Protein backbone atom coordinates (compact mmCIF):
# COMPACT_ATOMS: atom_id res chain seq x y z
CA MET A 1 -79.84 -41.25 50.32
CA GLY A 2 -80.01 -42.76 46.86
CA GLY A 3 -78.44 -39.58 45.44
CA ASN A 4 -75.49 -39.79 47.81
CA LEU A 5 -74.94 -43.46 46.90
CA ALA A 6 -74.96 -42.63 43.22
CA ALA A 7 -72.47 -39.80 43.74
CA ALA A 8 -70.21 -42.12 45.73
CA LEU A 9 -70.33 -44.72 42.96
CA VAL A 10 -69.40 -42.07 40.39
CA VAL A 11 -66.39 -41.01 42.48
CA ILE A 12 -65.28 -44.64 42.86
CA VAL A 13 -65.58 -45.26 39.13
CA LEU A 14 -63.61 -42.12 38.33
CA ALA A 15 -60.88 -43.10 40.83
CA VAL A 16 -60.58 -46.58 39.32
CA ALA A 17 -60.42 -45.10 35.80
CA LEU A 18 -57.75 -42.62 36.89
CA ALA A 19 -55.71 -45.37 38.55
CA ALA A 20 -55.97 -47.48 35.40
CA ALA A 21 -54.83 -44.54 33.28
CA VAL A 22 -51.86 -43.85 35.54
CA TYR A 23 -50.90 -47.52 35.45
CA ALA A 24 -51.13 -47.59 31.66
CA VAL A 25 -48.99 -44.47 31.30
CA ALA A 26 -46.44 -45.87 33.76
CA ARG A 27 -46.22 -49.11 31.79
CA LEU A 28 -45.85 -47.20 28.52
CA ARG A 29 -43.07 -45.08 29.96
CA SER A 30 -41.33 -48.13 31.38
CA ARG A 31 -41.36 -49.74 27.95
CA ARG A 32 -39.81 -46.65 26.43
CA ALA A 33 -37.17 -46.31 29.17
CA ILE A 34 -33.92 -48.23 29.36
CA ALA A 35 -35.07 -51.64 30.48
CA THR A 36 -32.21 -53.05 32.52
CA ALA A 37 -29.78 -51.84 35.15
CA ALA A 38 -26.88 -52.81 32.86
CA GLN A 39 -28.22 -50.65 30.06
CA ARG A 40 -28.75 -47.76 32.44
CA ALA A 41 -25.19 -48.12 33.74
CA THR A 42 -23.81 -48.18 30.19
CA TYR A 43 -25.74 -45.04 29.32
CA ASP A 44 -24.56 -43.24 32.46
CA VAL A 45 -20.90 -44.06 31.82
CA LEU A 46 -21.02 -43.01 28.16
CA HIS A 47 -22.89 -39.82 29.02
CA ILE A 48 -20.36 -38.83 31.69
CA ALA A 49 -17.47 -39.69 29.33
CA ALA A 50 -19.00 -37.48 26.64
CA LEU A 51 -19.23 -34.57 29.11
CA ALA A 52 -15.54 -34.95 29.93
CA ALA A 53 -14.47 -35.47 26.31
CA ASP A 54 -15.54 -32.04 25.03
CA PRO A 55 -13.09 -30.00 27.14
CA LEU A 56 -10.30 -32.59 26.85
CA ARG A 57 -10.42 -32.35 23.05
CA THR A 58 -9.00 -28.83 23.44
CA GLY A 59 -5.80 -30.18 25.01
CA LEU A 60 -4.29 -30.59 28.47
CA THR A 61 -4.82 -27.10 29.86
CA GLU A 62 -5.92 -25.77 33.22
CA ALA A 63 -9.28 -24.70 31.79
CA ALA A 64 -9.93 -28.06 30.14
CA ALA A 65 -8.89 -30.03 33.22
CA GLY A 66 -11.11 -27.84 35.40
CA LYS A 67 -14.17 -28.65 33.28
CA ALA A 68 -13.43 -32.39 33.02
CA VAL A 69 -12.14 -33.30 36.48
CA ARG A 70 -15.55 -33.67 38.16
CA HIS A 71 -16.71 -36.11 35.49
CA LEU A 72 -13.44 -38.05 35.73
CA ARG A 73 -13.96 -38.51 39.47
CA THR A 74 -17.40 -39.93 38.75
CA LEU A 75 -15.91 -42.39 36.24
CA THR A 76 -13.30 -43.67 38.68
CA GLY A 77 -15.45 -43.56 41.85
CA ALA A 78 -12.52 -42.03 43.73
CA ALA A 79 -12.86 -39.95 46.88
CA GLY A 80 -10.82 -37.25 45.19
CA ILE A 81 -9.08 -36.85 41.88
CA ALA A 82 -6.41 -34.63 40.35
CA VAL A 83 -5.36 -33.94 36.78
CA THR A 84 -1.75 -32.82 36.43
CA ASP A 85 0.70 -31.88 33.74
CA ALA A 86 4.35 -32.88 34.07
CA GLU A 87 4.96 -30.32 36.82
CA ARG A 88 1.82 -29.18 38.66
CA VAL A 89 -1.79 -29.95 39.51
CA LEU A 90 -4.11 -28.45 36.88
CA ALA A 91 -7.42 -29.31 38.55
CA PHE A 92 -8.67 -31.07 41.68
CA ASP A 93 -12.09 -32.37 42.68
CA GLY A 94 -13.33 -34.08 45.83
CA ALA A 95 -11.49 -34.90 49.06
CA GLY A 96 -7.79 -34.36 49.66
CA ASP A 97 -7.13 -30.97 48.05
CA HIS A 98 -4.67 -30.19 50.87
CA HIS A 99 -2.48 -33.03 49.50
CA ARG A 100 -2.01 -31.04 46.30
CA GLU A 101 1.77 -30.61 46.63
CA GLN A 102 2.30 -34.29 47.43
CA VAL A 103 0.11 -35.23 44.47
CA ALA A 104 2.15 -32.99 42.15
CA VAL A 105 5.43 -34.58 43.29
CA ALA A 106 4.09 -38.12 42.92
CA ALA A 107 2.65 -37.33 39.49
CA ALA A 108 5.94 -35.85 38.28
CA LYS A 109 7.78 -39.03 39.35
CA ALA A 110 5.24 -41.25 37.61
CA VAL A 111 5.44 -39.19 34.42
CA THR A 112 9.26 -39.34 34.44
CA ALA A 113 9.29 -43.09 35.12
CA GLY A 114 6.47 -43.76 32.69
CA ARG A 115 4.65 -46.19 34.97
CA SER A 116 1.77 -46.21 37.43
CA THR A 117 2.27 -46.16 41.18
CA VAL A 118 0.09 -46.84 44.22
CA LEU A 119 0.66 -44.67 47.30
CA SER A 120 -0.10 -45.75 50.85
CA SER A 121 -1.25 -43.51 53.67
CA GLY A 122 2.33 -43.34 54.92
CA GLU A 123 3.39 -41.71 51.65
CA LEU A 124 0.68 -39.07 52.05
CA PRO A 125 1.36 -37.69 55.56
CA CYS A 126 -1.21 -35.22 56.83
CA ASP A 127 -1.75 -33.10 59.95
CA LEU A 128 -5.54 -33.22 59.69
CA VAL A 129 -7.06 -35.64 62.19
CA ASP A 130 -10.20 -36.18 60.12
CA CYS A 131 -8.49 -36.43 56.70
CA PRO A 132 -10.28 -39.15 54.72
CA VAL A 133 -7.39 -39.87 52.33
CA ARG A 134 -5.71 -43.22 52.94
CA GLY A 135 -3.93 -43.78 49.63
CA ALA A 136 -3.77 -42.85 45.95
CA VAL A 137 -3.34 -44.31 42.49
CA VAL A 138 -1.09 -42.34 40.11
CA VAL A 139 -1.30 -43.15 36.38
CA PRO A 140 0.71 -41.22 33.74
CA LEU A 141 -1.15 -40.14 30.63
CA VAL A 142 -0.27 -40.97 27.03
CA LEU A 143 2.93 -39.29 25.80
CA ARG A 144 3.76 -38.54 29.46
CA GLU A 145 2.09 -35.16 29.24
CA GLY A 146 0.71 -35.46 32.76
CA ALA A 147 -1.03 -37.84 35.13
CA LEU A 148 -4.37 -38.81 36.61
CA VAL A 149 -4.28 -39.20 40.40
CA ALA A 150 -7.17 -40.89 42.21
CA LEU A 151 -7.27 -40.51 46.00
CA SER A 152 -8.92 -43.22 48.10
CA ASP A 153 -10.67 -43.11 51.48
CA GLY A 154 -9.14 -46.49 52.27
CA PRO A 155 -6.22 -48.59 51.02
CA PRO A 156 -6.46 -48.42 47.19
CA ALA A 157 -8.43 -51.47 46.09
CA PRO A 158 -7.72 -53.33 42.83
CA GLY A 159 -10.98 -51.97 41.43
CA LEU A 160 -9.85 -48.37 41.90
CA VAL A 161 -6.46 -49.14 40.37
CA GLN A 162 -8.07 -50.66 37.29
CA ALA A 163 -10.69 -47.92 36.97
CA THR A 164 -8.05 -45.20 37.23
CA ALA A 165 -5.80 -46.91 34.68
CA GLU A 166 -8.62 -47.27 32.14
CA THR A 167 -9.84 -43.72 32.70
CA ALA A 168 -6.29 -42.38 32.27
CA ARG A 169 -5.95 -44.37 29.05
CA TRP A 170 -9.22 -42.87 27.79
CA VAL A 171 -8.09 -39.35 28.78
CA GLY A 172 -4.85 -39.94 26.89
CA THR A 173 -6.82 -40.90 23.79
CA GLN A 174 -8.80 -37.65 23.96
CA LEU A 175 -5.58 -35.66 24.34
CA ALA A 176 -4.03 -37.50 21.38
CA LEU A 177 -7.09 -36.59 19.30
CA ALA A 178 -6.73 -32.99 20.44
CA GLU A 179 -3.11 -33.02 19.29
CA LEU A 180 -4.22 -34.47 15.96
CA ASP A 181 -6.77 -31.67 15.56
CA THR A 182 -4.07 -29.12 16.35
CA SER A 183 -1.66 -30.73 13.89
CA ARG A 184 -4.30 -30.68 11.16
CA ALA A 185 -4.94 -26.99 11.83
CA ARG A 186 -1.20 -26.25 11.66
CA LEU A 187 -0.94 -28.25 8.44
CA ALA A 188 -3.86 -26.34 6.94
CA ARG A 189 -2.22 -23.02 7.83
CA ALA A 190 1.08 -24.22 6.38
CA GLU A 191 -0.67 -25.24 3.16
CA VAL A 192 -2.27 -21.81 2.88
CA ARG A 193 1.14 -20.18 3.36
CA ALA A 194 2.62 -22.44 0.70
CA LEU A 195 -0.24 -21.60 -1.63
CA ARG A 196 0.28 -17.89 -1.09
CA ALA A 197 3.98 -18.25 -1.84
CA GLN A 198 3.17 -20.14 -5.05
CA ILE A 199 0.47 -17.73 -6.28
CA SER A 200 1.67 -14.33 -5.21
CA PRO A 201 4.92 -13.75 -7.16
CA HIS A 202 3.26 -14.46 -10.52
CA PHE A 203 0.21 -12.35 -9.87
CA ILE A 204 2.01 -9.44 -8.22
CA TYR A 205 4.44 -9.12 -11.12
CA ASN A 206 1.67 -9.24 -13.74
CA ALA A 207 -0.60 -6.90 -11.78
CA LEU A 208 2.07 -4.25 -11.30
CA THR A 209 3.07 -4.51 -14.95
CA ALA A 210 -0.55 -4.01 -16.02
CA ILE A 211 -1.01 -1.04 -13.69
CA ALA A 212 2.22 0.58 -14.87
CA SER A 213 1.03 0.40 -18.47
CA PHE A 214 -1.96 2.66 -17.63
CA VAL A 215 -0.25 5.21 -15.40
CA ARG A 216 0.28 7.70 -18.26
CA THR A 217 -2.40 6.69 -20.75
CA ASP A 218 -5.31 6.25 -18.32
CA PRO A 219 -4.46 7.47 -14.78
CA GLU A 220 -8.02 6.96 -13.52
CA LEU A 221 -8.01 3.30 -14.56
CA ALA A 222 -4.54 2.88 -13.02
CA ARG A 223 -5.86 4.30 -9.74
CA GLU A 224 -8.84 1.92 -9.81
CA LEU A 225 -6.57 -1.04 -10.47
CA ILE A 226 -4.27 -0.06 -7.61
CA LEU A 227 -7.26 -0.02 -5.23
CA GLU A 228 -8.45 -3.41 -6.52
CA PHE A 229 -4.93 -4.78 -6.15
CA ALA A 230 -4.69 -3.46 -2.58
CA GLU A 231 -8.02 -5.07 -1.59
CA PHE A 232 -7.06 -8.34 -3.26
CA THR A 233 -3.73 -8.56 -1.41
CA ARG A 234 -5.37 -7.56 1.89
CA TYR A 235 -7.74 -10.51 1.59
CA SER A 236 -5.10 -12.96 0.33
CA PHE A 237 -2.60 -12.16 3.07
CA ARG A 238 -4.99 -11.82 5.99
CA ALA A 239 -3.52 -13.34 9.14
CA HIS A 240 -6.63 -14.96 10.60
CA GLY A 241 -9.19 -17.51 9.58
CA GLU A 242 -8.76 -20.93 8.01
CA PHE A 243 -12.18 -20.62 6.38
CA THR A 244 -14.11 -18.03 4.43
CA THR A 245 -17.49 -17.72 2.75
CA LEU A 246 -18.22 -18.29 -0.91
CA ALA A 247 -19.30 -14.64 -1.15
CA GLU A 248 -15.93 -13.41 0.18
CA GLU A 249 -13.98 -15.75 -2.09
CA LEU A 250 -15.96 -14.63 -5.15
CA ARG A 251 -15.44 -10.97 -4.22
CA SER A 252 -11.68 -11.53 -4.15
CA ILE A 253 -11.82 -13.42 -7.45
CA ASP A 254 -13.69 -10.49 -9.02
CA ARG A 255 -10.84 -8.17 -8.01
CA TYR A 256 -8.32 -10.60 -9.45
CA LEU A 257 -10.22 -10.83 -12.74
CA THR A 258 -10.59 -7.04 -12.91
CA ILE A 259 -6.81 -6.73 -12.98
CA GLU A 260 -6.41 -9.63 -15.42
CA ARG A 261 -8.99 -8.09 -17.78
CA ALA A 262 -6.86 -4.94 -17.78
CA ARG A 263 -4.01 -7.10 -19.08
CA PHE A 264 -5.90 -9.21 -21.60
CA GLY A 265 -8.63 -6.77 -22.65
CA GLU A 266 -11.45 -8.37 -24.63
CA ARG A 267 -9.49 -11.59 -24.94
CA LEU A 268 -10.67 -12.54 -21.44
CA GLN A 269 -14.41 -13.11 -20.99
CA VAL A 270 -15.99 -14.13 -17.69
CA ARG A 271 -19.35 -15.78 -17.10
CA LEU A 272 -20.81 -16.05 -13.59
CA GLN A 273 -23.81 -18.12 -12.50
CA ILE A 274 -24.14 -18.04 -8.73
CA ALA A 275 -27.22 -19.15 -6.76
CA PRO A 276 -27.87 -16.59 -3.99
CA GLU A 277 -28.67 -19.41 -1.54
CA VAL A 278 -25.06 -20.64 -1.54
CA LEU A 279 -23.28 -17.32 -0.96
CA PRO A 280 -23.02 -17.93 2.84
CA VAL A 281 -21.52 -21.42 2.37
CA THR A 282 -18.22 -21.84 4.24
CA LEU A 283 -15.19 -23.29 2.45
CA PRO A 284 -11.41 -23.35 2.97
CA PHE A 285 -9.69 -19.99 2.54
CA LEU A 286 -8.15 -19.45 -0.94
CA CYS A 287 -9.97 -22.49 -2.26
CA LEU A 288 -11.25 -21.07 -5.56
CA GLN A 289 -8.67 -18.37 -6.29
CA PRO A 290 -5.86 -20.74 -7.39
CA LEU A 291 -8.27 -22.59 -9.70
CA VAL A 292 -9.27 -19.34 -11.41
CA GLU A 293 -5.64 -18.27 -11.65
CA ASN A 294 -4.71 -21.61 -13.22
CA ALA A 295 -7.50 -21.14 -15.77
CA VAL A 296 -6.11 -17.72 -16.73
CA ARG A 297 -2.38 -18.46 -16.58
CA HIS A 298 -2.27 -21.96 -18.00
CA GLY A 299 -5.46 -22.13 -20.00
CA LEU A 300 -6.31 -18.83 -21.65
CA SER A 301 -2.98 -16.98 -21.71
CA ARG A 302 -1.60 -19.63 -24.07
CA LYS A 303 -4.64 -19.59 -26.33
CA PRO A 304 -4.73 -17.27 -29.33
CA GLY A 305 -7.82 -15.09 -29.58
CA MET A 306 -10.68 -14.83 -27.10
CA GLY A 307 -11.15 -17.14 -24.12
CA THR A 308 -13.93 -17.58 -21.56
CA ILE A 309 -13.90 -18.56 -17.91
CA SER A 310 -17.17 -19.80 -16.39
CA ILE A 311 -17.71 -19.86 -12.63
CA VAL A 312 -20.90 -21.66 -11.55
CA ALA A 313 -22.15 -22.30 -8.00
CA ARG A 314 -25.41 -24.26 -7.68
CA ASP A 315 -27.63 -25.07 -4.73
CA ALA A 316 -27.78 -28.87 -4.39
CA GLY A 317 -29.75 -29.49 -1.20
CA ALA A 318 -27.27 -30.16 1.61
CA GLU A 319 -24.35 -29.28 -0.69
CA CYS A 320 -23.06 -26.51 -2.91
CA HIS A 321 -21.72 -27.60 -6.31
CA ILE A 322 -19.04 -25.36 -7.79
CA THR A 323 -17.41 -25.56 -11.23
CA ILE A 324 -14.67 -23.45 -12.77
CA GLU A 325 -14.33 -24.05 -16.50
CA ASP A 326 -12.24 -22.51 -19.27
CA ASP A 327 -12.11 -23.10 -23.01
CA GLY A 328 -8.34 -22.77 -23.13
CA VAL A 329 -5.57 -25.10 -24.29
CA GLY A 330 -6.34 -27.82 -21.74
CA MET A 331 -3.75 -30.21 -20.38
CA ASP A 332 -2.66 -33.81 -20.47
CA PRO A 333 -4.62 -35.81 -17.87
CA ALA A 334 -1.56 -37.98 -17.29
CA ALA A 335 0.26 -34.93 -15.91
CA LEU A 336 -2.38 -34.60 -13.21
CA LEU A 337 -1.94 -38.22 -12.16
CA SER A 338 1.83 -37.93 -11.95
CA SER A 339 3.18 -37.98 -8.40
CA ASP A 340 6.69 -36.95 -9.49
CA ASP A 341 7.18 -33.51 -7.96
CA GLY A 342 10.28 -33.05 -10.09
CA VAL A 343 8.13 -33.02 -13.22
CA ASP A 344 5.69 -30.50 -11.77
CA THR A 345 6.58 -26.97 -12.87
CA GLY A 346 4.08 -25.21 -10.63
CA GLN A 347 1.09 -25.45 -12.96
CA HIS A 348 -0.71 -28.01 -10.83
CA VAL A 349 0.56 -27.12 -7.36
CA GLY A 350 -2.50 -24.97 -6.62
CA LEU A 351 -4.85 -27.68 -7.87
CA ARG A 352 -3.26 -30.36 -5.70
CA ASN A 353 -3.22 -28.03 -2.72
CA VAL A 354 -6.94 -27.31 -3.03
CA ASP A 355 -7.74 -31.01 -3.45
CA ASP A 356 -5.73 -31.94 -0.35
CA ARG A 357 -7.34 -29.22 1.76
CA LEU A 358 -10.90 -30.10 0.70
CA ARG A 359 -10.32 -33.76 1.55
CA SER A 360 -8.68 -32.99 4.91
CA VAL A 361 -11.57 -30.72 5.94
CA PHE A 362 -14.66 -32.45 4.51
CA GLY A 363 -13.46 -36.03 3.86
CA ASP A 364 -12.16 -38.01 0.91
CA GLY A 365 -15.49 -37.75 -0.92
CA PHE A 366 -15.07 -33.99 -1.36
CA GLY A 367 -11.93 -33.57 -3.47
CA VAL A 368 -11.77 -31.79 -6.82
CA VAL A 369 -12.77 -33.51 -10.07
CA VAL A 370 -10.88 -32.43 -13.19
CA GLU A 371 -12.05 -32.94 -16.77
CA THR A 372 -9.48 -31.92 -19.38
CA ALA A 373 -7.64 -32.85 -22.55
CA PRO A 374 -5.16 -31.05 -24.81
CA GLY A 375 -7.07 -28.48 -26.83
CA ALA A 376 -10.36 -29.15 -25.02
CA GLY A 377 -10.16 -26.72 -22.10
CA THR A 378 -10.38 -27.63 -18.43
CA LYS A 379 -13.30 -28.06 -16.03
CA VAL A 380 -12.71 -28.32 -12.30
CA SER A 381 -15.66 -29.35 -10.11
CA MET A 382 -16.08 -29.61 -6.35
CA ARG A 383 -18.79 -30.33 -3.81
CA VAL A 384 -18.91 -28.39 -0.55
CA PRO A 385 -21.26 -29.31 2.34
CA LYS A 386 -23.39 -26.40 3.46
CA PHE A 387 -22.81 -27.42 7.08
CA HIS A 388 -19.91 -29.42 8.51
CA PRO A 389 -18.76 -29.88 12.13
CA GLY A 390 -15.87 -27.60 13.03
CA VAL A 391 -16.08 -25.58 9.83
CA ARG A 392 -16.99 -21.99 10.52
CA SER A 393 -15.99 -18.80 8.75
CA SER A 394 -14.30 -15.99 10.66
CA ALA A 395 -14.97 -13.56 7.83
């Protein structure tokens, strides 16, 4: 009897201890959780908005609208919701899909007029006896690209009108950012085309002249130079990819310098110091080539006797530090600061292009730094993040 009582006491003690432990854990978790209903609501709204933002940042397409529409319905609290362009419904979620044609017509009118409208049940006639739709709110998006249409299971209340208007404004902001991203990509491609047009005529002429000089005296060298020239132009004029790797860029520069050494002979010396860890680093396409070409064309070609180009890439933690230095004739720093394009003869076009592209991709803190003076050579330095959102090589 005494043994049974002792066992019962042990069980009771263990149960109390377990209950106390559960209570303590619950309190600890409650302290770590979002404390108030308002905070929870804020988190939920921001989380849902983030889920909708990702597809919308690709533009107003059927695929993007299809991924975002469910989250947009949650934000508005509508019975059904449609995302349209200026002519048709791109995506629909919730009740009222059979009103698709009416929604498209109403959205087109709102986009043309440039103002929101509220539709009553009489403006959305339906043959279905159990149709829950009793009205709709139609709000055109920014730039009149399309509209957001929220369908209601009762007469559209002021709260639904306001929620739809604010959600449509937010959607328009995401689409405007998508257009900005697209414009930046187009600008980057245009800058690369401009850079190619600026570099290529000079190099092609000099390369072909150098190759022609060896056709009779050293046919094997001429053949090698032709192959190097072909690989260099294939890389420089490739049709895809805004970005490349440091390894690919250096490989192209090596081909360029092989041809230039055939022109200059022992007058041109090259020193490389590349950390293996930074070879996979991604950077804008044709980012280093114009700097090396400037060093040869405007630094060493005008210098009597031997000249040296040094290309250094160091591992600096989260960044890669790159310098291209020559001991040539140098330049006047004031010429670099001049914004008068009429004074620029082409010598600094590549340098400005690279600086603009680095800043547009990585931010204003990542432009080129130039150290130069007449007779003192030129050193161009840049910092490249090892990882940056949206920057990925297609090489």
